[in-house]
Amino acid sequence: MEFTPIQPIQPLWDSMTQPVQPVRQDPAGSLFASVFQKAIDNVRETNLEQVNLEYQLATGQIDNPALVTTAITKATTAAELLMQMRNHAVDAYNELTRISL
């Protein structure tokens, strides 16, 4: 019986393989942009930690599965927080567009 290795998932677009450019901070939107950038970075970091711990558990490098469960919970919570921040920002924008001057 012959085994073939699983090929990694390739990105659909070439732009995804390029490094993400840092957000430029202008005086008017620096706080807003920095808050969202920190949330995005937090999601990326927690997801990377989750993937690394899952790999280590699958290969037998760690013995405590609670570490993986905690990492999954942290990554899920960070993603949910980012989605809620986005939803509130969109709601605020929609409210601002309804204001008649």
PDB file of N, CA and C in Angstrom:
ATOM      1  N   MET A   1       0.851  -1.171   0.000  1.00  0.00           N
ATOM      2  CA  MET A   1       0.000   0.000   0.000  1.00  0.00           C
ATOM      3  C   MET A   1       0.897   1.235   0.000  1.00  0.00           C
ATOM      4  N   GLU A   2       0.645   2.131  -0.915  1.00  0.00           N
ATOM      5  CA  GLU A   2       1.482   3.319  -1.059  1.00  0.00           C
ATOM      6  C   GLU A   2       0.757   4.547  -0.522  1.00  0.00           C
ATOM      7  N   PHE A   3       1.468   5.357   0.262  1.00  0.00           N
ATOM      8  CA  PHE A   3       0.900   6.572   0.825  1.00  0.00           C
ATOM      9  C   PHE A   3       1.428   7.775   0.063  1.00  0.00           C
ATOM     10  N   THR A   4       0.541   8.701  -0.227  1.00  0.00           N
ATOM     11  CA  THR A   4       0.961   9.954  -0.863  1.00  0.00           C
ATOM     12  C   THR A   4       0.810  11.071   0.155  1.00  0.00           C
ATOM     13  N   PRO A   5       1.786  11.946   0.260  1.00  0.00           N
ATOM     14  CA  PRO A   5       1.687  13.027   1.247  1.00  0.00           C
ATOM     15  C   PRO A   5       0.617  14.042   0.854  1.00  0.00           C
ATOM     16  N   ILE A   6       0.053  14.655   1.858  1.00  0.00           N
ATOM     17  CA  ILE A   6      -0.955  15.693   1.634  1.00  0.00           C
ATOM     18  C   ILE A   6      -0.243  16.975   1.231  1.00  0.00           C
ATOM     19  N   GLN A   7      -0.700  17.578   0.149  1.00  0.00           N
ATOM     20  CA  GLN A   7      -0.113  18.823  -0.338  1.00  0.00           C
ATOM     21  C   GLN A   7      -0.698  19.996   0.450  1.00  0.00           C
ATOM     22  N   PRO A   8       0.112  21.013   0.750  1.00  0.00           N
ATOM     23  CA  PRO A   8      -0.423  22.174   1.469  1.00  0.00           C
ATOM     24  C   PRO A   8      -1.409  22.944   0.605  1.00  0.00           C
ATOM     25  N   ILE A   9      -2.303  23.632   1.251  1.00  0.00           N
ATOM     26  CA  ILE A   9      -3.309  24.440   0.562  1.00  0.00           C
ATOM     27  C   ILE A   9      -2.621  25.651  -0.053  1.00  0.00           C
ATOM     28  N   GLN A  10      -2.878  25.888  -1.320  1.00  0.00           N
ATOM     29  CA  GLN A  10      -2.296  27.023  -2.020  1.00  0.00           C
ATOM     30  C   GLN A  10      -3.284  28.187  -1.995  1.00  0.00           C
ATOM     31  N   PRO A  11      -2.798  29.425  -1.838  1.00  0.00           N
ATOM     32  CA  PRO A  11      -3.708  30.578  -1.839  1.00  0.00           C
ATOM     33  C   PRO A  11      -4.346  30.772  -3.207  1.00  0.00           C
ATOM     34  N   LEU A  12      -5.555  31.316  -3.204  1.00  0.00           N
ATOM     35  CA  LEU A  12      -6.270  31.535  -4.448  1.00  0.00           C
ATOM     36  C   LEU A  12      -5.743  32.739  -5.217  1.00  0.00           C
ATOM     37  N   TRP A  13      -5.248  33.722  -4.488  1.00  0.00           N
ATOM     38  CA  TRP A  13      -4.759  34.935  -5.124  1.00  0.00           C
ATOM     39  C   TRP A  13      -3.298  35.144  -4.778  1.00  0.00           C
ATOM     40  N   ASP A  14      -2.574  35.777  -5.692  1.00  0.00           N
ATOM     41  CA  ASP A  14      -1.164  36.052  -5.455  1.00  0.00           C
ATOM     42  C   ASP A  14      -0.962  37.090  -4.372  1.00  0.00           C
ATOM     43  N   SER A  15      -1.946  37.969  -4.184  1.00  0.00           N
ATOM     44  CA  SER A  15      -1.792  39.025  -3.187  1.00  0.00           C
ATOM     45  C   SER A  15      -1.738  38.468  -1.774  1.00  0.00           C
ATOM     46  N   MET A  16      -2.270  37.274  -1.570  1.00  0.00           N
ATOM     47  CA  MET A  16      -2.265  36.697  -0.231  1.00  0.00           C
ATOM     48  C   MET A  16      -0.875  36.211   0.159  1.00  0.00           C
ATOM     49  N   THR A  17      -0.023  35.946  -0.823  1.00  0.00           N
ATOM     50  CA  THR A  17       1.314  35.472  -0.511  1.00  0.00           C
ATOM     51  C   THR A  17       2.260  36.605  -0.198  1.00  0.00           C
ATOM     52  N   GLN A  18       1.875  37.832  -0.544  1.00  0.00           N
ATOM     53  CA  GLN A  18       2.715  38.984  -0.261  1.00  0.00           C
ATOM     54  C   GLN A  18       2.522  39.386   1.193  1.00  0.00           C
ATOM     55  N   PRO A  19       3.576  39.896   1.837  1.00  0.00           N
ATOM     56  CA  PRO A  19       3.427  40.299   3.233  1.00  0.00           C
ATOM     57  C   PRO A  19       2.455  41.477   3.363  1.00  0.00           C
ATOM     58  N   VAL A  20       1.758  41.491   4.470  1.00  0.00           N
ATOM     59  CA  VAL A  20       0.792  42.554   4.733  1.00  0.00           C
ATOM     60  C   VAL A  20       1.533  43.843   5.047  1.00  0.00           C
ATOM     61  N   GLN A  21       1.135  44.915   4.380  1.00  0.00           N
ATOM     62  CA  GLN A  21       1.753  46.208   4.620  1.00  0.00           C
ATOM     63  C   GLN A  21       1.228  46.779   5.938  1.00  0.00           C
ATOM     64  N   PRO A  22       2.076  47.390   6.735  1.00  0.00           N
ATOM     65  CA  PRO A  22       1.609  47.979   7.984  1.00  0.00           C
ATOM     66  C   PRO A  22       0.662  49.148   7.708  1.00  0.00           C
ATOM     67  N   VAL A  23      -0.257  49.339   8.610  1.00  0.00           N
ATOM     68  CA  VAL A  23      -1.233  50.408   8.465  1.00  0.00           C
ATOM     69  C   VAL A  23      -0.561  51.748   8.711  1.00  0.00           C
ATOM     70  N   ARG A  24      -0.760  52.670   7.785  1.00  0.00           N
ATOM     71  CA  ARG A  24      -0.234  54.020   7.985  1.00  0.00           C
ATOM     72  C   ARG A  24      -1.107  54.740   8.988  1.00  0.00           C
ATOM     73  N   GLN A  25      -0.471  55.441   9.860  1.00  0.00           N
ATOM     74  CA  GLN A  25      -1.223  56.107  10.901  1.00  0.00           C
ATOM     75  C   GLN A  25      -1.225  57.600  10.656  1.00  0.00           C
ATOM     76  N   ASP A  26      -2.406  58.118  10.356  1.00  0.00           N
ATOM     77  CA  ASP A  26      -2.548  59.551  10.225  1.00  0.00           C
ATOM     78  C   ASP A  26      -3.100  60.096  11.532  1.00  0.00           C
ATOM     79  N   PRO A  27      -2.941  61.385  11.786  1.00  0.00           N
ATOM     80  CA  PRO A  27      -3.348  61.931  13.081  1.00  0.00           C
ATOM     81  C   PRO A  27      -4.834  61.749  13.377  1.00  0.00           C
ATOM     82  N   ALA A  28      -5.688  61.799  12.347  1.00  0.00           N
ATOM     83  CA  ALA A  28      -7.126  61.734  12.593  1.00  0.00           C
ATOM     84  C   ALA A  28      -7.581  60.324  12.948  1.00  0.00           C
ATOM     85  N   GLY A  29      -7.014  59.292  12.339  1.00  0.00           N
ATOM     86  CA  GLY A  29      -7.496  57.941  12.555  1.00  0.00           C
ATOM     87  C   GLY A  29      -6.499  57.030  13.220  1.00  0.00           C
ATOM     88  N   SER A  30      -5.531  57.574  13.897  1.00  0.00           N
ATOM     89  CA  SER A  30      -4.480  56.725  14.447  1.00  0.00           C
ATOM     90  C   SER A  30      -4.999  55.797  15.541  1.00  0.00           C
ATOM     91  N   LEU A  31      -5.841  56.274  16.407  1.00  0.00           N
ATOM     92  CA  LEU A  31      -6.363  55.431  17.477  1.00  0.00           C
ATOM     93  C   LEU A  31      -7.258  54.343  16.904  1.00  0.00           C
ATOM     94  N   PHE A  32      -8.130  54.721  15.992  1.00  0.00           N
ATOM     95  CA  PHE A  32      -9.053  53.773  15.379  1.00  0.00           C
ATOM     96  C   PHE A  32      -8.285  52.684  14.642  1.00  0.00           C
ATOM     97  N   ALA A  33      -7.317  53.085  13.834  1.00  0.00           N
ATOM     98  CA  ALA A  33      -6.537  52.117  13.058  1.00  0.00           C
ATOM     99  C   ALA A  33      -5.689  51.234  13.968  1.00  0.00           C
ATOM    100  N   SER A  34      -5.107  51.812  15.000  1.00  0.00           N
ATOM    101  CA  SER A  34      -4.244  51.014  15.870  1.00  0.00           C
ATOM    102  C   SER A  34      -5.041  49.990  16.664  1.00  0.00           C
ATOM    103  N   VAL A  35      -6.250  50.326  17.068  1.00  0.00           N
ATOM    104  CA  VAL A  35      -7.082  49.373  17.804  1.00  0.00           C
ATOM    105  C   VAL A  35      -7.421  48.187  16.915  1.00  0.00           C
ATOM    106  N   PHE A  36      -7.836  48.458  15.674  1.00  0.00           N
ATOM    107  CA  PHE A  36      -8.168  47.367  14.773  1.00  0.00           C
ATOM    108  C   PHE A  36      -6.930  46.567  14.383  1.00  0.00           C
ATOM    109  N   GLN A  37      -5.810  47.240  14.179  1.00  0.00           N
ATOM    110  CA  GLN A  37      -4.586  46.520  13.818  1.00  0.00           C
ATOM    111  C   GLN A  37      -4.144  45.605  14.952  1.00  0.00           C
ATOM    112  N   LYS A  38      -4.270  46.065  16.189  1.00  0.00           N
ATOM    113  CA  LYS A  38      -3.917  45.217  17.334  1.00  0.00           C
ATOM    114  C   LYS A  38      -4.845  44.009  17.425  1.00  0.00           C
ATOM    115  N   ALA A  39      -6.125  44.208  17.139  1.00  0.00           N
ATOM    116  CA  ALA A  39      -7.072  43.089  17.172  1.00  0.00           C
ATOM    117  C   ALA A  39      -6.756  42.072  16.082  1.00  0.00           C
ATOM    118  N   ILE A  40      -6.412  42.557  14.898  1.00  0.00           N
ATOM    119  CA  ILE A  40      -6.051  41.659  13.804  1.00  0.00           C
ATOM    120  C   ILE A  40      -4.772  40.895  14.136  1.00  0.00           C
ATOM    121  N   ASP A  41      -3.788  41.604  14.681  1.00  0.00           N
ATOM    122  CA  ASP A  41      -2.544  40.944  15.074  1.00  0.00           C
ATOM    123  C   ASP A  41      -2.789  39.896  16.155  1.00  0.00           C
ATOM    124  N   ASN A  42      -3.689  40.197  17.077  1.00  0.00           N
ATOM    125  CA  ASN A  42      -4.021  39.249  18.143  1.00  0.00           C
ATOM    126  C   ASN A  42      -4.648  37.986  17.561  1.00  0.00           C
ATOM    127  N   VAL A  43      -5.527  38.141  16.580  1.00  0.00           N
ATOM    128  CA  VAL A  43      -6.145  36.972  15.940  1.00  0.00           C
ATOM    129  C   VAL A  43      -5.080  36.135  15.246  1.00  0.00           C
ATOM    130  N   ARG A  44      -4.176  36.796  14.540  1.00  0.00           N
ATOM    131  CA  ARG A  44      -3.111  36.057  13.846  1.00  0.00           C
ATOM    132  C   ARG A  44      -2.210  35.313  14.824  1.00  0.00           C
ATOM    133  N   GLU A  45      -1.830  35.969  15.914  1.00  0.00           N
ATOM    134  CA  GLU A  45      -0.941  35.341  16.895  1.00  0.00           C
ATOM    135  C   GLU A  45      -1.598  34.161  17.589  1.00  0.00           C
ATOM    136  N   THR A  46      -2.843  34.326  18.007  1.00  0.00           N
ATOM    137  CA  THR A  46      -3.523  33.230  18.703  1.00  0.00           C
ATOM    138  C   THR A  46      -3.787  32.068  17.755  1.00  0.00           C
ATOM    139  N   ASN A  47      -4.080  32.366  16.496  1.00  0.00           N
ATOM    140  CA  ASN A  47      -4.287  31.293  15.521  1.00  0.00           C
ATOM    141  C   ASN A  47      -2.989  30.537  15.267  1.00  0.00           C
ATOM    142  N   LEU A  48      -1.885  31.262  15.167  1.00  0.00           N
ATOM    143  CA  LEU A  48      -0.584  30.615  14.974  1.00  0.00           C
ATOM    144  C   LEU A  48      -0.231  29.732  16.165  1.00  0.00           C
ATOM    145  N   GLU A  49      -0.499  30.232  17.362  1.00  0.00           N
ATOM    146  CA  GLU A  49      -0.240  29.438  18.572  1.00  0.00           C
ATOM    147  C   GLU A  49      -1.095  28.172  18.575  1.00  0.00           C
ATOM    148  N   GLN A  50      -2.360  28.303  18.177  1.00  0.00           N
ATOM    149  CA  GLN A  50      -3.254  27.150  18.125  1.00  0.00           C
ATOM    150  C   GLN A  50      -2.748  26.107  17.135  1.00  0.00           C
ATOM    151  N   VAL A  51      -2.367  26.546  15.957  1.00  0.00           N
ATOM    152  CA  VAL A  51      -1.889  25.616  14.937  1.00  0.00           C
ATOM    153  C   VAL A  51      -0.618  24.907  15.405  1.00  0.00           C
ATOM    154  N   ASN A  52       0.294  25.651  16.014  1.00  0.00           N
ATOM    155  CA  ASN A  52       1.537  25.040  16.502  1.00  0.00           C
ATOM    156  C   ASN A  52       1.267  23.999  17.581  1.00  0.00           C
ATOM    157  N   LEU A  53       0.381  24.327  18.517  1.00  0.00           N
ATOM    158  CA  LEU A  53       0.085  23.363  19.587  1.00  0.00           C
ATOM    159  C   LEU A  53      -0.657  22.143  19.057  1.00  0.00           C
ATOM    160  N   GLU A  54      -1.545  22.326  18.078  1.00  0.00           N
ATOM    161  CA  GLU A  54      -2.226  21.181  17.483  1.00  0.00           C
ATOM    162  C   GLU A  54      -1.225  20.271  16.774  1.00  0.00           C
ATOM    163  N   TYR A  55      -0.272  20.872  16.087  1.00  0.00           N
ATOM    164  CA  TYR A  55       0.766  20.085  15.419  1.00  0.00           C
ATOM    165  C   TYR A  55       1.608  19.313  16.443  1.00  0.00           C
ATOM    166  N   GLN A  56       1.980  20.009  17.512  1.00  0.00           N
ATOM    167  CA  GLN A  56       2.793  19.353  18.541  1.00  0.00           C
ATOM    168  C   GLN A  56       2.027  18.213  19.207  1.00  0.00           C
ATOM    169  N   LEU A  57       0.732  18.405  19.427  1.00  0.00           N
ATOM    170  CA  LEU A  57      -0.069  17.327  20.018  1.00  0.00           C
ATOM    171  C   LEU A  57      -0.192  16.157  19.053  1.00  0.00           C
ATOM    172  N   ALA A  58      -0.392  16.441  17.775  1.00  0.00           N
ATOM    173  CA  ALA A  58      -0.544  15.371  16.783  1.00  0.00           C
ATOM    174  C   ALA A  58       0.744  14.576  16.603  1.00  0.00           C
ATOM    175  N   THR A  59       1.870  15.239  16.760  1.00  0.00           N
ATOM    176  CA  THR A  59       3.153  14.541  16.592  1.00  0.00           C
ATOM    177  C   THR A  59       3.695  13.988  17.901  1.00  0.00           C
ATOM    178  N   GLY A  60       2.968  14.182  19.003  1.00  0.00           N
ATOM    179  CA  GLY A  60       3.379  13.628  20.279  1.00  0.00           C
ATOM    180  C   GLY A  60       4.447  14.420  20.999  1.00  0.00           C
ATOM    181  N   GLN A  61       4.605  15.681  20.657  1.00  0.00           N
ATOM    182  CA  GLN A  61       5.634  16.504  21.291  1.00  0.00           C
ATOM    183  C   GLN A  61       5.174  17.100  22.612  1.00  0.00           C
ATOM    184  N   ILE A  62       3.859  17.187  22.832  1.00  0.00           N
ATOM    185  CA  ILE A  62       3.349  17.659  24.125  1.00  0.00           C
ATOM    186  C   ILE A  62       2.414  16.601  24.696  1.00  0.00           C
ATOM    187  N   ASP A  63       2.344  16.570  26.002  1.00  0.00           N
ATOM    188  CA  ASP A  63       1.544  15.553  26.674  1.00  0.00           C
ATOM    189  C   ASP A  63       0.244  16.095  27.256  1.00  0.00           C
ATOM    190  N   ASN A  64       0.133  17.415  27.346  1.00  0.00           N
ATOM    191  CA  ASN A  64      -1.016  18.018  28.005  1.00  0.00           C
ATOM    192  C   ASN A  64      -2.006  18.554  26.969  1.00  0.00           C
ATOM    193  N   PRO A  65      -3.109  17.851  26.723  1.00  0.00           N
ATOM    194  CA  PRO A  65      -4.088  18.332  25.737  1.00  0.00           C
ATOM    195  C   PRO A  65      -4.840  19.577  26.203  1.00  0.00           C
ATOM    196  N   ALA A  66      -4.748  19.901  27.477  1.00  0.00           N
ATOM    197  CA  ALA A  66      -5.415  21.113  27.974  1.00  0.00           C
ATOM    198  C   ALA A  66      -4.795  22.371  27.364  1.00  0.00           C
ATOM    199  N   LEU A  67      -3.508  22.317  27.039  1.00  0.00           N
ATOM    200  CA  LEU A  67      -2.869  23.463  26.385  1.00  0.00           C
ATOM    201  C   LEU A  67      -3.497  23.736  25.032  1.00  0.00           C
ATOM    202  N   VAL A  68      -3.823  22.681  24.305  1.00  0.00           N
ATOM    203  CA  VAL A  68      -4.446  22.828  22.987  1.00  0.00           C
ATOM    204  C   VAL A  68      -5.856  23.388  23.138  1.00  0.00           C
ATOM    205  N   THR A  69      -6.591  22.886  24.098  1.00  0.00           N
ATOM    206  CA  THR A  69      -7.949  23.372  24.329  1.00  0.00           C
ATOM    207  C   THR A  69      -7.947  24.849  24.695  1.00  0.00           C
ATOM    208  N   THR A  70      -7.012  25.240  25.537  1.00  0.00           N
ATOM    209  CA  THR A  70      -6.897  26.654  25.917  1.00  0.00           C
ATOM    210  C   THR A  70      -6.533  27.517  24.718  1.00  0.00           C
ATOM    211  N   ALA A  71      -5.633  27.045  23.877  1.00  0.00           N
ATOM    212  CA  ALA A  71      -5.234  27.802  22.688  1.00  0.00           C
ATOM    213  C   ALA A  71      -6.396  27.937  21.708  1.00  0.00           C
ATOM    214  N   ILE A  72      -7.193  26.891  21.558  1.00  0.00           N
ATOM    215  CA  ILE A  72      -8.361  26.953  20.677  1.00  0.00           C
ATOM    216  C   ILE A  72      -9.364  27.966  21.199  1.00  0.00           C
ATOM    217  N   THR A  73      -9.594  27.965  22.501  1.00  0.00           N
ATOM    218  CA  THR A  73     -10.527  28.913  23.102  1.00  0.00           C
ATOM    219  C   THR A  73     -10.045  30.346  22.940  1.00  0.00           C
ATOM    220  N   LYS A  74      -8.740  30.565  23.143  1.00  0.00           N
ATOM    221  CA  LYS A  74      -8.184  31.913  22.971  1.00  0.00           C
ATOM    222  C   LYS A  74      -8.320  32.386  21.528  1.00  0.00           C
ATOM    223  N   ALA A  75      -8.044  31.509  20.573  1.00  0.00           N
ATOM    224  CA  ALA A  75      -8.148  31.884  19.162  1.00  0.00           C
ATOM    225  C   ALA A  75      -9.596  32.166  18.768  1.00  0.00           C
ATOM    226  N   THR A  76     -10.510  31.367  19.257  1.00  0.00           N
ATOM    227  CA  THR A  76     -11.927  31.586  18.963  1.00  0.00           C
ATOM    228  C   THR A  76     -12.422  32.893  19.559  1.00  0.00           C
ATOM    229  N   THR A  77     -12.030  33.161  20.793  1.00  0.00           N
ATOM    230  CA  THR A  77     -12.441  34.392  21.456  1.00  0.00           C
ATOM    231  C   THR A  77     -11.868  35.615  20.752  1.00  0.00           C
ATOM    232  N   ALA A  78     -10.614  35.554  20.320  1.00  0.00           N
ATOM    233  CA  ALA A  78     -10.001  36.677  19.617  1.00  0.00           C
ATOM    234  C   ALA A  78     -10.708  36.937  18.296  1.00  0.00           C
ATOM    235  N   ALA A  79     -11.075  35.879  17.568  1.00  0.00           N
ATOM    236  CA  ALA A  79     -11.780  36.046  16.295  1.00  0.00           C
ATOM    237  C   ALA A  79     -13.176  36.610  16.513  1.00  0.00           C
ATOM    238  N   GLU A  80     -13.866  36.144  17.537  1.00  0.00           N
ATOM    239  CA  GLU A  80     -15.202  36.664  17.834  1.00  0.00           C
ATOM    240  C   GLU A  80     -15.142  38.133  18.240  1.00  0.00           C
ATOM    241  N   LEU A  81     -14.126  38.501  19.012  1.00  0.00           N
ATOM    242  CA  LEU A  81     -13.958  39.904  19.404  1.00  0.00           C
ATOM    243  C   LEU A  81     -13.733  40.784  18.183  1.00  0.00           C
ATOM    244  N   LEU A  82     -12.899  40.336  17.268  1.00  0.00           N
ATOM    245  CA  LEU A  82     -12.648  41.107  16.051  1.00  0.00           C
ATOM    246  C   LEU A  82     -13.918  41.254  15.221  1.00  0.00           C
ATOM    247  N   MET A  83     -14.703  40.191  15.106  1.00  0.00           N
ATOM    248  CA  MET A  83     -15.960  40.281  14.351  1.00  0.00           C
ATOM    249  C   MET A  83     -16.935  41.243  15.014  1.00  0.00           C
ATOM    250  N   GLN A  84     -17.004  41.221  16.343  1.00  0.00           N
ATOM    251  CA  GLN A  84     -17.903  42.140  17.036  1.00  0.00           C
ATOM    252  C   GLN A  84     -17.447  43.592  16.877  1.00  0.00           C
ATOM    253  N   MET A  85     -16.134  43.807  16.913  1.00  0.00           N
ATOM    254  CA  MET A  85     -15.620  45.168  16.699  1.00  0.00           C
ATOM    255  C   MET A  85     -15.973  45.649  15.300  1.00  0.00           C
ATOM    256  N   ARG A  86     -15.813  44.763  14.318  1.00  0.00           N
ATOM    257  CA  ARG A  86     -16.168  45.118  12.948  1.00  0.00           C
ATOM    258  C   ARG A  86     -17.657  45.433  12.830  1.00  0.00           C
ATOM    259  N   ASN A  87     -18.500  44.606  13.435  1.00  0.00           N
ATOM    260  CA  ASN A  87     -19.946  44.822  13.368  1.00  0.00           C
ATOM    261  C   ASN A  87     -20.333  46.155  13.998  1.00  0.00           C
ATOM    262  N   HIS A  88     -19.720  46.483  15.129  1.00  0.00           N
ATOM    263  CA  HIS A  88     -20.045  47.757  15.785  1.00  0.00           C
ATOM    264  C   HIS A  88     -19.541  48.937  14.972  1.00  0.00           C
ATOM    265  N   ALA A  89     -18.395  48.797  14.329  1.00  0.00           N
ATOM    266  CA  ALA A  89     -17.876  49.878  13.485  1.00  0.00           C
ATOM    267  C   ALA A  89     -18.787  50.095  12.278  1.00  0.00           C
ATOM    268  N   VAL A  90     -19.271  49.018  11.677  1.00  0.00           N
ATOM    269  CA  VAL A  90     -20.184  49.143  10.538  1.00  0.00           C
ATOM    270  C   VAL A  90     -21.501  49.756  10.988  1.00  0.00           C
ATOM    271  N   ASP A  91     -22.008  49.354  12.139  1.00  0.00           N
ATOM    272  CA  ASP A  91     -23.240  49.949  12.665  1.00  0.00           C
ATOM    273  C   ASP A  91     -23.071  51.444  12.924  1.00  0.00           C
ATOM    274  N   ALA A  92     -21.933  51.819  13.486  1.00  0.00           N
ATOM    275  CA  ALA A  92     -21.676  53.242  13.735  1.00  0.00           C
ATOM    276  C   ALA A  92     -21.586  54.010  12.426  1.00  0.00           C
ATOM    277  N   TYR A  93     -20.944  53.437  11.431  1.00  0.00           N
ATOM    278  CA  TYR A  93     -20.852  54.093  10.117  1.00  0.00           C
ATOM    279  C   TYR A  93     -22.236  54.257   9.506  1.00  0.00           C
ATOM    280  N   ASN A  94     -23.065  53.231   9.599  1.00  0.00           N
ATOM    281  CA  ASN A  94     -24.424  53.329   9.058  1.00  0.00           C
ATOM    282  C   ASN A  94     -25.234  54.397   9.776  1.00  0.00           C
ATOM    283  N   GLU A  95     -25.055  54.512  11.076  1.00  0.00           N
ATOM    284  CA  GLU A  95     -25.749  55.572  11.817  1.00  0.00           C
ATOM    285  C   GLU A  95     -25.276  56.954  11.380  1.00  0.00           C
ATOM    286  N   LEU A  96     -23.990  57.093  11.146  1.00  0.00           N
ATOM    287  CA  LEU A  96     -23.455  58.386  10.703  1.00  0.00           C
ATOM    288  C   LEU A  96     -23.970  58.745   9.308  1.00  0.00           C
ATOM    289  N   THR A  97     -24.129  57.764   8.458  1.00  0.00           N
ATOM    290  CA  THR A  97     -24.618  58.059   7.103  1.00  0.00           C
ATOM    291  C   THR A  97     -26.097  58.433   7.113  1.00  0.00           C
ATOM    292  N   ARG A  98     -26.844  58.063   8.126  1.00  0.00           N
ATOM    293  CA  ARG A  98     -28.258  58.417   8.216  1.00  0.00           C
ATOM    294  C   ARG A  98     -28.502  59.825   8.745  1.00  0.00           C
ATOM    295  N   ILE A  99     -27.468  60.439   9.283  1.00  0.00           N
ATOM    296  CA  ILE A  99     -27.620  61.787   9.825  1.00  0.00           C
ATOM    297  C   ILE A  99     -27.833  62.759   8.668  1.00  0.00           C
ATOM    298  N   SER A 100     -28.905  63.536   8.775  1.00  0.00           N
ATOM    299  CA  SER A 100     -29.158  64.541   7.733  1.00  0.00           C
ATOM    300  C   SER A 100     -28.640  65.879   8.202  1.00  0.00           C
ATOM    301  N   LEU A 101     -27.916  66.513   7.333  1.00  0.00           N
ATOM    302  CA  LEU A 101     -27.321  67.803   7.677  1.00  0.00           C
ATOM    303  C   LEU A 101     -28.124  68.943   7.144  1.00  0.00           C
TER     304      LEU A 101
END
